PDB file of all heavy atoms in Angstrom:
ATOM      1  N   ALA A   1      97.477 100.420  93.457  1.00  0.00           N
ATOM      2  CA  ALA A   1      96.592 100.043  94.577  1.00  0.00           C
ATOM      3  C   ALA A   1      95.751 101.242  95.042  1.00  0.00           C
ATOM      4  O   ALA A   1      96.156 102.353  94.953  1.00  0.00           O
ATOM      5  CB  ALA A   1      97.402  99.470  95.729  1.00  0.00           C
ATOM      6  N   THR A   2      94.572 100.885  95.510  1.00  0.00           N
ATOM      7  CA  THR A   2      93.669 101.830  96.169  1.00  0.00           C
ATOM      8  C   THR A   2      93.324 101.375  97.609  1.00  0.00           C
ATOM      9  O   THR A   2      93.476 100.167  97.934  1.00  0.00           O
ATOM     10  CB  THR A   2      92.378 101.915  95.379  1.00  0.00           C
ATOM     11  OG1 THR A   2      91.572 100.741  95.415  1.00  0.00           O
ATOM     12  CG2 THR A   2      92.547 102.355  93.915  1.00  0.00           C
ATOM     13  N   PRO A   3      92.942 102.264  98.435  1.00  0.00           N
ATOM     14  CA  PRO A   3      92.526 101.811  99.779  1.00  0.00           C
ATOM     15  C   PRO A   3      91.430 100.784  99.773  1.00  0.00           C
ATOM     16  O   PRO A   3      91.507  99.860 100.624  1.00  0.00           O
ATOM     17  CB  PRO A   3      92.004 103.193 100.433  1.00  0.00           C
ATOM     18  CG  PRO A   3      92.677 104.228  99.660  1.00  0.00           C
ATOM     19  CD  PRO A   3      92.791 103.683  98.261  1.00  0.00           C
ATOM     20  N   GLN A   4      90.506 100.884  98.928  1.00  0.00           N
ATOM     21  CA  GLN A   4      89.462  99.879  98.851  1.00  0.00           C
ATOM     22  C   GLN A   4      90.026  98.456  98.525  1.00  0.00           C
ATOM     23  O   GLN A   4      89.549  97.484  99.033  1.00  0.00           O
ATOM     24  CB  GLN A   4      88.343 100.321  97.843  1.00  0.00           C
ATOM     25  CG  GLN A   4      87.170  99.322  97.802  1.00  0.00           C
ATOM     26  CD  GLN A   4      86.417  99.370  99.143  1.00  0.00           C
ATOM     27  OE1 GLN A   4      86.420 100.259  99.820  1.00  0.00           O
ATOM     28  NE2 GLN A   4      85.800  98.150  99.410  1.00  0.00           N
ATOM     29  N   GLN A   5      90.921  98.490  97.513  1.00  0.00           N
ATOM     30  CA  GLN A   5      91.510  97.139  97.108  1.00  0.00           C
ATOM     31  C   GLN A   5      92.302  96.576  98.337  1.00  0.00           C
ATOM     32  O   GLN A   5      92.273  95.404  98.451  1.00  0.00           O
ATOM     33  CB  GLN A   5      92.491  97.387  95.980  1.00  0.00           C
ATOM     34  CG  GLN A   5      91.817  97.635  94.624  1.00  0.00           C
ATOM     35  CD  GLN A   5      92.875  97.997  93.532  1.00  0.00           C
ATOM     36  OE1 GLN A   5      93.889  98.545  93.878  1.00  0.00           O
ATOM     37  NE2 GLN A   5      92.520  97.731  92.314  1.00  0.00           N
ATOM     38  N   GLN A   6      92.989  97.391  99.088  1.00  0.00           N
ATOM     39  CA  GLN A   6      93.718  96.862 100.216  1.00  0.00           C
ATOM     40  C   GLN A   6      92.785  96.306 101.230  1.00  0.00           C
ATOM     41  O   GLN A   6      93.154  95.318 101.956  1.00  0.00           O
ATOM     42  CB  GLN A   6      94.682  97.894 100.780  1.00  0.00           C
ATOM     43  CG  GLN A   6      95.923  98.011  99.914  1.00  0.00           C
ATOM     44  CD  GLN A   6      97.083  98.681 100.689  1.00  0.00           C
ATOM     45  OE1 GLN A   6      96.909  99.320 101.724  1.00  0.00           O
ATOM     46  NE2 GLN A   6      98.278  98.423 100.263  1.00  0.00           N
ATOM     47  N   LYS A   7      91.669  96.911 101.507  1.00  0.00           N
ATOM     48  CA  LYS A   7      90.660  96.475 102.514  1.00  0.00           C
ATOM     49  C   LYS A   7      90.185  95.085 102.073  1.00  0.00           C
ATOM     50  O   LYS A   7      89.905  94.228 102.927  1.00  0.00           O
ATOM     51  CB  LYS A   7      89.531  97.400 102.578  1.00  0.00           C
ATOM     52  CG  LYS A   7      89.797  98.626 103.434  1.00  0.00           C
ATOM     53  CD  LYS A   7      88.532  99.488 103.469  1.00  0.00           C
ATOM     54  CE  LYS A   7      88.887 100.805 104.094  1.00  0.00           C
ATOM     55  NZ  LYS A   7      87.683 101.727 104.197  1.00  0.00           N
ATOM     56  N   GLU A   8      89.967  94.845 100.765  1.00  0.00           N
ATOM     57  CA  GLU A   8      89.462  93.579 100.275  1.00  0.00           C
ATOM     58  C   GLU A   8      90.400  92.439 100.220  1.00  0.00           C
ATOM     59  O   GLU A   8      90.087  91.278 100.054  1.00  0.00           O
ATOM     60  CB  GLU A   8      88.804  93.788  98.899  1.00  0.00           C
ATOM     61  CG  GLU A   8      87.603  94.794  98.902  1.00  0.00           C
ATOM     62  CD  GLU A   8      87.217  95.141  97.503  1.00  0.00           C
ATOM     63  OE1 GLU A   8      87.846  94.748  96.585  1.00  0.00           O
ATOM     64  OE2 GLU A   8      86.238  95.950  97.422  1.00  0.00           O
ATOM     65  N   LEU A   9      91.737  92.770 100.331  1.00  0.00           N
ATOM     66  CA  LEU A   9      92.832  91.722 100.282  1.00  0.00           C
ATOM     67  C   LEU A   9      92.761  90.784 101.557  1.00  0.00           C
ATOM     68  O   LEU A   9      92.382  91.259 102.625  1.00  0.00           O
ATOM     69  CB  LEU A   9      94.143  92.325 100.198  1.00  0.00           C
ATOM     70  CG  LEU A   9      94.575  92.999  98.902  1.00  0.00           C
ATOM     71  CD1 LEU A   9      95.897  93.606  99.035  1.00  0.00           C
ATOM     72  CD2 LEU A   9      94.542  91.967  97.765  1.00  0.00           C
ATOM     73  N   GLU A  10      92.918  89.559 101.328  1.00  0.00           N
ATOM     74  CA  GLU A  10      93.126  88.673 102.469  1.00  0.00           C
ATOM     75  C   GLU A  10      94.518  88.903 103.070  1.00  0.00           C
ATOM     76  O   GLU A  10      95.499  88.660 102.415  1.00  0.00           O
ATOM     77  CB  GLU A  10      92.982  87.203 101.992  1.00  0.00           C
ATOM     78  CG  GLU A  10      92.830  86.214 103.130  1.00  0.00           C
ATOM     79  CD  GLU A  10      92.563  84.830 102.612  1.00  0.00           C
ATOM     80  OE1 GLU A  10      91.627  84.684 101.799  1.00  0.00           O
ATOM     81  OE2 GLU A  10      93.264  83.892 103.112  1.00  0.00           O
ATOM     82  N   VAL A  11      94.555  89.396 104.220  1.00  0.00           N
ATOM     83  CA  VAL A  11      95.808  89.863 104.826  1.00  0.00           C
ATOM     84  C   VAL A  11      96.538  88.691 105.423  1.00  0.00           C
ATOM     85  O   VAL A  11      96.017  87.912 106.299  1.00  0.00           O
ATOM     86  CB  VAL A  11      95.580  90.928 105.905  1.00  0.00           C
ATOM     87  CG1 VAL A  11      96.816  91.429 106.452  1.00  0.00           C
ATOM     88  CG2 VAL A  11      94.852  92.102 105.199  1.00  0.00           C
ATOM     89  N   ASP A  12      97.821  88.538 105.084  1.00  0.00           N
ATOM     90  CA  ASP A  12      98.720  87.612 105.719  1.00  0.00           C
ATOM     91  C   ASP A  12      99.679  88.509 106.554  1.00  0.00           C
ATOM     92  O   ASP A  12     100.431  89.306 106.046  1.00  0.00           O
ATOM     93  CB  ASP A  12      99.532  86.813 104.702  1.00  0.00           C
ATOM     94  CG  ASP A  12     100.564  85.889 105.269  1.00  0.00           C
ATOM     95  OD1 ASP A  12     100.545  85.742 106.520  1.00  0.00           O
ATOM     96  OD2 ASP A  12     101.386  85.450 104.540  1.00  0.00           O
ATOM     97  N   PHE A  13      99.488  88.454 107.890  1.00  0.00           N
ATOM     98  CA  PHE A  13     100.196  89.375 108.776  1.00  0.00           C
ATOM     99  C   PHE A  13     101.674  89.173 108.797  1.00  0.00           C
ATOM    100  O   PHE A  13     102.435  89.981 109.294  1.00  0.00           O
ATOM    101  CB  PHE A  13      99.624  89.304 110.180  1.00  0.00           C
ATOM    102  CG  PHE A  13      98.286  89.864 110.274  1.00  0.00           C
ATOM    103  CD1 PHE A  13      97.163  89.054 110.410  1.00  0.00           C
ATOM    104  CD2 PHE A  13      98.059  91.202 110.170  1.00  0.00           C
ATOM    105  CE1 PHE A  13      95.849  89.567 110.406  1.00  0.00           C
ATOM    106  CE2 PHE A  13      96.727  91.749 110.228  1.00  0.00           C
ATOM    107  CZ  PHE A  13      95.669  90.958 110.317  1.00  0.00           C
ATOM    108  N   ALA A  14     102.191  88.060 108.155  1.00  0.00           N
ATOM    109  CA  ALA A  14     103.594  87.910 108.086  1.00  0.00           C
ATOM    110  C   ALA A  14     104.242  88.656 106.964  1.00  0.00           C
ATOM    111  O   ALA A  14     105.360  88.791 106.840  1.00  0.00           O
ATOM    112  CB  ALA A  14     103.935  86.362 107.993  1.00  0.00           C
ATOM    113  N   GLU A  15     103.350  89.142 106.078  1.00  0.00           N
ATOM    114  CA  GLU A  15     103.781  89.808 104.865  1.00  0.00           C
ATOM    115  C   GLU A  15     103.244  91.265 104.929  1.00  0.00           C
ATOM    116  O   GLU A  15     102.105  91.546 105.176  1.00  0.00           O
ATOM    117  CB  GLU A  15     103.171  89.041 103.675  1.00  0.00           C
ATOM    118  CG  GLU A  15     103.779  89.531 102.321  1.00  0.00           C
ATOM    119  CD  GLU A  15     103.174  88.644 101.182  1.00  0.00           C
ATOM    120  OE1 GLU A  15     103.206  87.423 101.340  1.00  0.00           O
ATOM    121  OE2 GLU A  15     102.708  89.219 100.227  1.00  0.00           O
ATOM    122  N   ASP A  16     104.175  92.222 104.585  1.00  0.00           N
ATOM    123  CA  ASP A  16     103.782  93.608 104.561  1.00  0.00           C
ATOM    124  C   ASP A  16     103.022  93.934 103.288  1.00  0.00           C
ATOM    125  O   ASP A  16     103.496  93.434 102.137  1.00  0.00           O
ATOM    126  CB  ASP A  16     105.028  94.534 104.627  1.00  0.00           C
ATOM    127  CG  ASP A  16     105.558  94.495 106.016  1.00  0.00           C
ATOM    128  OD1 ASP A  16     104.872  94.214 107.011  1.00  0.00           O
ATOM    129  OD2 ASP A  16     106.735  94.844 106.189  1.00  0.00           O
ATOM    130  N   LEU A  17     101.934  94.692 103.324  1.00  0.00           N
ATOM    131  CA  LEU A  17     101.261  95.192 102.182  1.00  0.00           C
ATOM    132  C   LEU A  17     102.016  96.392 101.632  1.00  0.00           C
ATOM    133  O   LEU A  17     102.513  97.238 102.406  1.00  0.00           O
ATOM    134  CB  LEU A  17      99.799  95.563 102.450  1.00  0.00           C
ATOM    135  CG  LEU A  17      98.912  94.469 102.804  1.00  0.00           C
ATOM    136  CD1 LEU A  17      97.533  95.040 103.206  1.00  0.00           C
ATOM    137  CD2 LEU A  17      98.680  93.601 101.643  1.00  0.00           C
ATOM    138  N   PRO A  18     102.081  96.581 100.385  1.00  0.00           N
ATOM    139  CA  PRO A  18     102.661  97.786  99.830  1.00  0.00           C
ATOM    140  C   PRO A  18     101.894  99.037 100.206  1.00  0.00           C
ATOM    141  O   PRO A  18     100.718  98.921 100.340  1.00  0.00           O
ATOM    142  CB  PRO A  18     102.664  97.640  98.265  1.00  0.00           C
ATOM    143  CG  PRO A  18     102.417  96.164  98.094  1.00  0.00           C
ATOM    144  CD  PRO A  18     101.716  95.630  99.270  1.00  0.00           C
ATOM    145  N   ASP A  19     102.614 100.154 100.374  1.00  0.00           N
ATOM    146  CA  ASP A  19     101.905 101.420 100.620  1.00  0.00           C
ATOM    147  C   ASP A  19     101.165 101.912  99.421  1.00  0.00           C
ATOM    148  O   ASP A  19     101.502 101.529  98.276  1.00  0.00           O
ATOM    149  CB  ASP A  19     102.878 102.530 101.178  1.00  0.00           C
ATOM    150  CG  ASP A  19     103.362 102.201 102.586  1.00  0.00           C
ATOM    151  OD1 ASP A  19     102.611 101.509 103.307  1.00  0.00           O
ATOM    152  OD2 ASP A  19     104.447 102.591 102.934  1.00  0.00           O
ATOM    153  N   ILE A  20     100.216 102.789  99.633  1.00  0.00           N
ATOM    154  CA  ILE A  20      99.440 103.384  98.557  1.00  0.00           C
ATOM    155  C   ILE A  20     100.049 104.711  98.158  1.00  0.00           C
ATOM    156  O   ILE A  20     100.483 105.496  98.926  1.00  0.00           O
ATOM    157  CB  ILE A  20      97.970 103.550  98.947  1.00  0.00           C
ATOM    158  CG1 ILE A  20      97.366 102.158  99.293  1.00  0.00           C
ATOM    159  CG2 ILE A  20      97.149 104.212  97.931  1.00  0.00           C
ATOM    160  CD1 ILE A  20      96.045 102.269  99.994  1.00  0.00           C
ATOM    161  N   VAL A  21     100.016 105.009  96.833  1.00  0.00           N
ATOM    162  CA  VAL A  21     100.550 106.245  96.266  1.00  0.00           C
ATOM    163  C   VAL A  21      99.302 107.134  96.289  1.00  0.00           C
ATOM    164  O   VAL A  21      98.336 106.812  95.621  1.00  0.00           O
ATOM    165  CB  VAL A  21     101.227 106.075  94.957  1.00  0.00           C
ATOM    166  CG1 VAL A  21     101.594 107.468  94.390  1.00  0.00           C
ATOM    167  CG2 VAL A  21     102.423 105.135  95.067  1.00  0.00           C
ATOM    168  N   ASN A  22      99.402 108.397  96.944  1.00  0.00           N
ATOM    169  CA  ASN A  22      98.387 109.320  96.905  1.00  0.00           C
ATOM    170  C   ASN A  22      98.694 110.427  95.968  1.00  0.00           C
ATOM    171  O   ASN A  22      99.710 111.021  96.059  1.00  0.00           O
ATOM    172  CB  ASN A  22      98.116 109.911  98.305  1.00  0.00           C
ATOM    173  CG  ASN A  22      97.625 108.885  99.278  1.00  0.00           C
ATOM    174  OD1 ASN A  22      96.629 108.139  98.901  1.00  0.00           O
ATOM    175  ND2 ASN A  22      98.089 108.840 100.528  1.00  0.00           N
ATOM    176  N   GLY A  23      97.750 110.763  95.059  1.00  0.00           N
ATOM    177  CA  GLY A  23      97.925 111.866  94.064  1.00  0.00           C
ATOM    178  C   GLY A  23      99.065 111.598  93.065  1.00  0.00           C
ATOM    179  O   GLY A  23      99.603 112.594  92.567  1.00  0.00           O
ATOM    180  N   GLY A  24      99.556 110.430  92.877  1.00  0.00           N
ATOM    181  CA  GLY A  24     100.522 110.158  91.899  1.00  0.00           C
ATOM    182  C   GLY A  24     101.967 110.617  92.368  1.00  0.00           C
ATOM    183  O   GLY A  24     102.874 110.677  91.573  1.00  0.00           O
ATOM    184  N   LYS A  25     102.107 110.857  93.620  1.00  0.00           N
ATOM    185  CA  LYS A  25     103.391 111.344  94.199  1.00  0.00           C
ATOM    186  C   LYS A  25     103.699 110.673  95.455  1.00  0.00           C
ATOM    187  O   LYS A  25     102.823 110.233  96.216  1.00  0.00           O
ATOM    188  CB  LYS A  25     103.361 112.874  94.462  1.00  0.00           C
ATOM    189  CG  LYS A  25     103.216 113.677  93.188  1.00  0.00           C
ATOM    190  CD  LYS A  25     103.193 115.156  93.463  1.00  0.00           C
ATOM    191  CE  LYS A  25     102.857 115.874  92.216  1.00  0.00           C
ATOM    192  NZ  LYS A  25     103.746 116.891  91.850  1.00  0.00           N
ATOM    193  N   ILE A  26     105.043 110.504  95.700  1.00  0.00           N
ATOM    194  CA  ILE A  26     105.567 110.158  97.013  1.00  0.00           C
ATOM    195  C   ILE A  26     106.482 111.205  97.481  1.00  0.00           C
ATOM    196  O   ILE A  26     107.117 111.845  96.691  1.00  0.00           O
ATOM    197  CB  ILE A  26     106.295 108.664  96.930  1.00  0.00           C
ATOM    198  CG1 ILE A  26     107.429 108.724  96.006  1.00  0.00           C
ATOM    199  CG2 ILE A  26     105.312 107.610  96.609  1.00  0.00           C
ATOM    200  CD1 ILE A  26     108.316 107.493  96.009  1.00  0.00           C
ATOM    201  N   ASP A  27     106.487 111.437  98.787  1.00  0.00           N
ATOM    202  CA  ASP A  27     107.354 112.494  99.359  1.00  0.00           C
ATOM    203  C   ASP A  27     108.486 111.837 100.167  1.00  0.00           C
ATOM    204  O   ASP A  27     108.268 111.245 101.195  1.00  0.00           O
ATOM    205  CB  ASP A  27     106.608 113.429 100.182  1.00  0.00           C
ATOM    206  CG  ASP A  27     107.341 114.691 100.657  1.00  0.00           C
ATOM    207  OD1 ASP A  27     108.453 114.587 100.810  1.00  0.00           O
ATOM    208  OD2 ASP A  27     106.573 115.737 100.713  1.00  0.00           O
ATOM    209  N   LEU A  28     109.680 111.987  99.677  1.00  0.00           N
ATOM    210  CA  LEU A  28     110.855 111.333 100.264  1.00  0.00           C
ATOM    211  C   LEU A  28     111.115 111.942 101.666  1.00  0.00           C
ATOM    212  O   LEU A  28     111.526 111.194 102.648  1.00  0.00           O
ATOM    213  CB  LEU A  28     112.067 111.552  99.407  1.00  0.00           C
ATOM    214  CG  LEU A  28     112.068 110.830  98.072  1.00  0.00           C
ATOM    215  CD1 LEU A  28     113.402 110.866  97.321  1.00  0.00           C
ATOM    216  CD2 LEU A  28     111.717 109.349  98.159  1.00  0.00           C
ATOM    217  N   ALA A  29     110.883 113.241 101.881  1.00  0.00           N
ATOM    218  CA  ALA A  29     111.039 113.844 103.190  1.00  0.00           C
ATOM    219  C   ALA A  29     110.097 113.218 104.267  1.00  0.00           C
ATOM    220  O   ALA A  29     110.534 112.890 105.309  1.00  0.00           O
ATOM    221  CB  ALA A  29     110.934 115.309 103.122  1.00  0.00           C
ATOM    222  N   ASP A  30     108.865 113.075 103.774  1.00  0.00           N
ATOM    223  CA  ASP A  30     107.886 112.426 104.729  1.00  0.00           C
ATOM    224  C   ASP A  30     108.174 111.086 105.040  1.00  0.00           C
ATOM    225  O   ASP A  30     108.092 110.562 106.208  1.00  0.00           O
ATOM    226  CB  ASP A  30     106.443 112.458 104.039  1.00  0.00           C
ATOM    227  CG  ASP A  30     105.804 113.774 103.998  1.00  0.00           C
ATOM    228  OD1 ASP A  30     106.278 114.685 104.716  1.00  0.00           O
ATOM    229  OD2 ASP A  30     104.800 113.967 103.297  1.00  0.00           O
ATOM    230  N   ILE A  31     108.713 110.295 104.100  1.00  0.00           N
ATOM    231  CA  ILE A  31     109.136 108.879 104.331  1.00  0.00           C
ATOM    232  C   ILE A  31     110.319 108.919 105.311  1.00  0.00           C
ATOM    233  O   ILE A  31     110.295 108.066 106.301  1.00  0.00           O
ATOM    234  CB  ILE A  31     109.566 108.170 103.014  1.00  0.00           C
ATOM    235  CG1 ILE A  31     108.276 108.062 102.079  1.00  0.00           C
ATOM    236  CG2 ILE A  31     110.265 106.866 103.297  1.00  0.00           C
ATOM    237  CD1 ILE A  31     108.647 107.620 100.670  1.00  0.00           C
ATOM    238  N   ALA A  32     111.232 109.708 105.129  1.00  0.00           N
ATOM    239  CA  ALA A  32     112.431 109.804 106.048  1.00  0.00           C
ATOM    240  C   ALA A  32     112.027 110.200 107.447  1.00  0.00           C
ATOM    241  O   ALA A  32     112.518 109.543 108.459  1.00  0.00           O
ATOM    242  CB  ALA A  32     113.442 110.852 105.456  1.00  0.00           C
ATOM    243  N   ILE A  33     111.164 111.154 107.614  1.00  0.00           N
ATOM    244  CA  ILE A  33     110.685 111.541 108.939  1.00  0.00           C
ATOM    245  C   ILE A  33     109.933 110.380 109.663  1.00  0.00           C
ATOM    246  O   ILE A  33     110.140 110.063 110.813  1.00  0.00           O
ATOM    247  CB  ILE A  33     109.751 112.782 108.915  1.00  0.00           C
ATOM    248  CG1 ILE A  33     110.614 114.007 108.464  1.00  0.00           C
ATOM    249  CG2 ILE A  33     109.104 113.078 110.226  1.00  0.00           C
ATOM    250  CD1 ILE A  33     109.799 115.246 108.033  1.00  0.00           C
ATOM    251  N   GLU A  34     109.130 109.683 108.829  1.00  0.00           N
ATOM    252  CA  GLU A  34     108.347 108.569 109.405  1.00  0.00           C
ATOM    253  C   GLU A  34     109.274 107.457 109.829  1.00  0.00           C
ATOM    254  O   GLU A  34     109.089 106.876 110.958  1.00  0.00           O
ATOM    255  CB  GLU A  34     107.392 108.032 108.347  1.00  0.00           C
ATOM    256  CG  GLU A  34     106.603 106.826 108.768  1.00  0.00           C
ATOM    257  CD  GLU A  34     105.694 106.246 107.661  1.00  0.00           C
ATOM    258  OE1 GLU A  34     105.712 106.763 106.577  1.00  0.00           O
ATOM    259  OE2 GLU A  34     104.958 105.253 107.985  1.00  0.00           O
ATOM    260  N   GLN A  35     110.306 107.209 108.984  1.00  0.00           N
ATOM    261  CA  GLN A  35     111.284 106.108 109.442  1.00  0.00           C
ATOM    262  C   GLN A  35     112.069 106.420 110.673  1.00  0.00           C
ATOM    263  O   GLN A  35     112.275 105.663 111.545  1.00  0.00           O
ATOM    264  CB  GLN A  35     112.190 105.822 108.221  1.00  0.00           C
ATOM    265  CG  GLN A  35     111.551 105.278 107.015  1.00  0.00           C
ATOM    266  CD  GLN A  35     110.636 104.043 107.397  1.00  0.00           C
ATOM    267  OE1 GLN A  35     111.092 103.091 108.027  1.00  0.00           O
ATOM    268  NE2 GLN A  35     109.407 104.074 106.819  1.00  0.00           N
ATOM    269  N   LEU A  36     112.424 107.759 110.847  1.00  0.00           N
ATOM    270  CA  LEU A  36     113.031 108.194 112.033  1.00  0.00           C
ATOM    271  C   LEU A  36     112.126 108.060 113.259  1.00  0.00           C
ATOM    272  O   LEU A  36     112.488 107.550 114.302  1.00  0.00           O
ATOM    273  CB  LEU A  36     113.462 109.663 111.944  1.00  0.00           C
ATOM    274  CG  LEU A  36     114.040 110.234 113.177  1.00  0.00           C
ATOM    275  CD1 LEU A  36     115.289 109.557 113.626  1.00  0.00           C
ATOM    276  CD2 LEU A  36     114.261 111.736 112.963  1.00  0.00           C
ATOM    277  N   ALA A  37     110.850 108.396 113.076  1.00  0.00           N
ATOM    278  CA  ALA A  37     109.857 108.264 114.198  1.00  0.00           C
ATOM    279  C   ALA A  37     109.725 106.811 114.630  1.00  0.00           C
ATOM    280  O   ALA A  37     109.519 106.526 115.799  1.00  0.00           O
ATOM    281  CB  ALA A  37     108.537 108.859 113.723  1.00  0.00           C
ATOM    282  N   LEU A  38     109.823 105.917 113.700  1.00  0.00           N
ATOM    283  CA  LEU A  38     109.606 104.491 113.941  1.00  0.00           C
ATOM    284  C   LEU A  38     110.800 103.895 114.828  1.00  0.00           C
ATOM    285  O   LEU A  38     110.555 102.941 115.588  1.00  0.00           O
ATOM    286  CB  LEU A  38     109.553 103.658 112.702  1.00  0.00           C
ATOM    287  CG  LEU A  38     108.179 103.849 111.936  1.00  0.00           C
ATOM    288  CD1 LEU A  38     108.304 103.169 110.595  1.00  0.00           C
ATOM    289  CD2 LEU A  38     107.040 103.358 112.746  1.00  0.00           C
TER     290      LEU A  38
END
């Protein structure tokens, strides 16, 4: 997925959109910190 593709999707607010992968990597530490903040 790209940010442009997600903008063009018809959004159903009951359903979560998948997150976008930036630079071919995901950072588990960033994900963990974000989940704690939530």
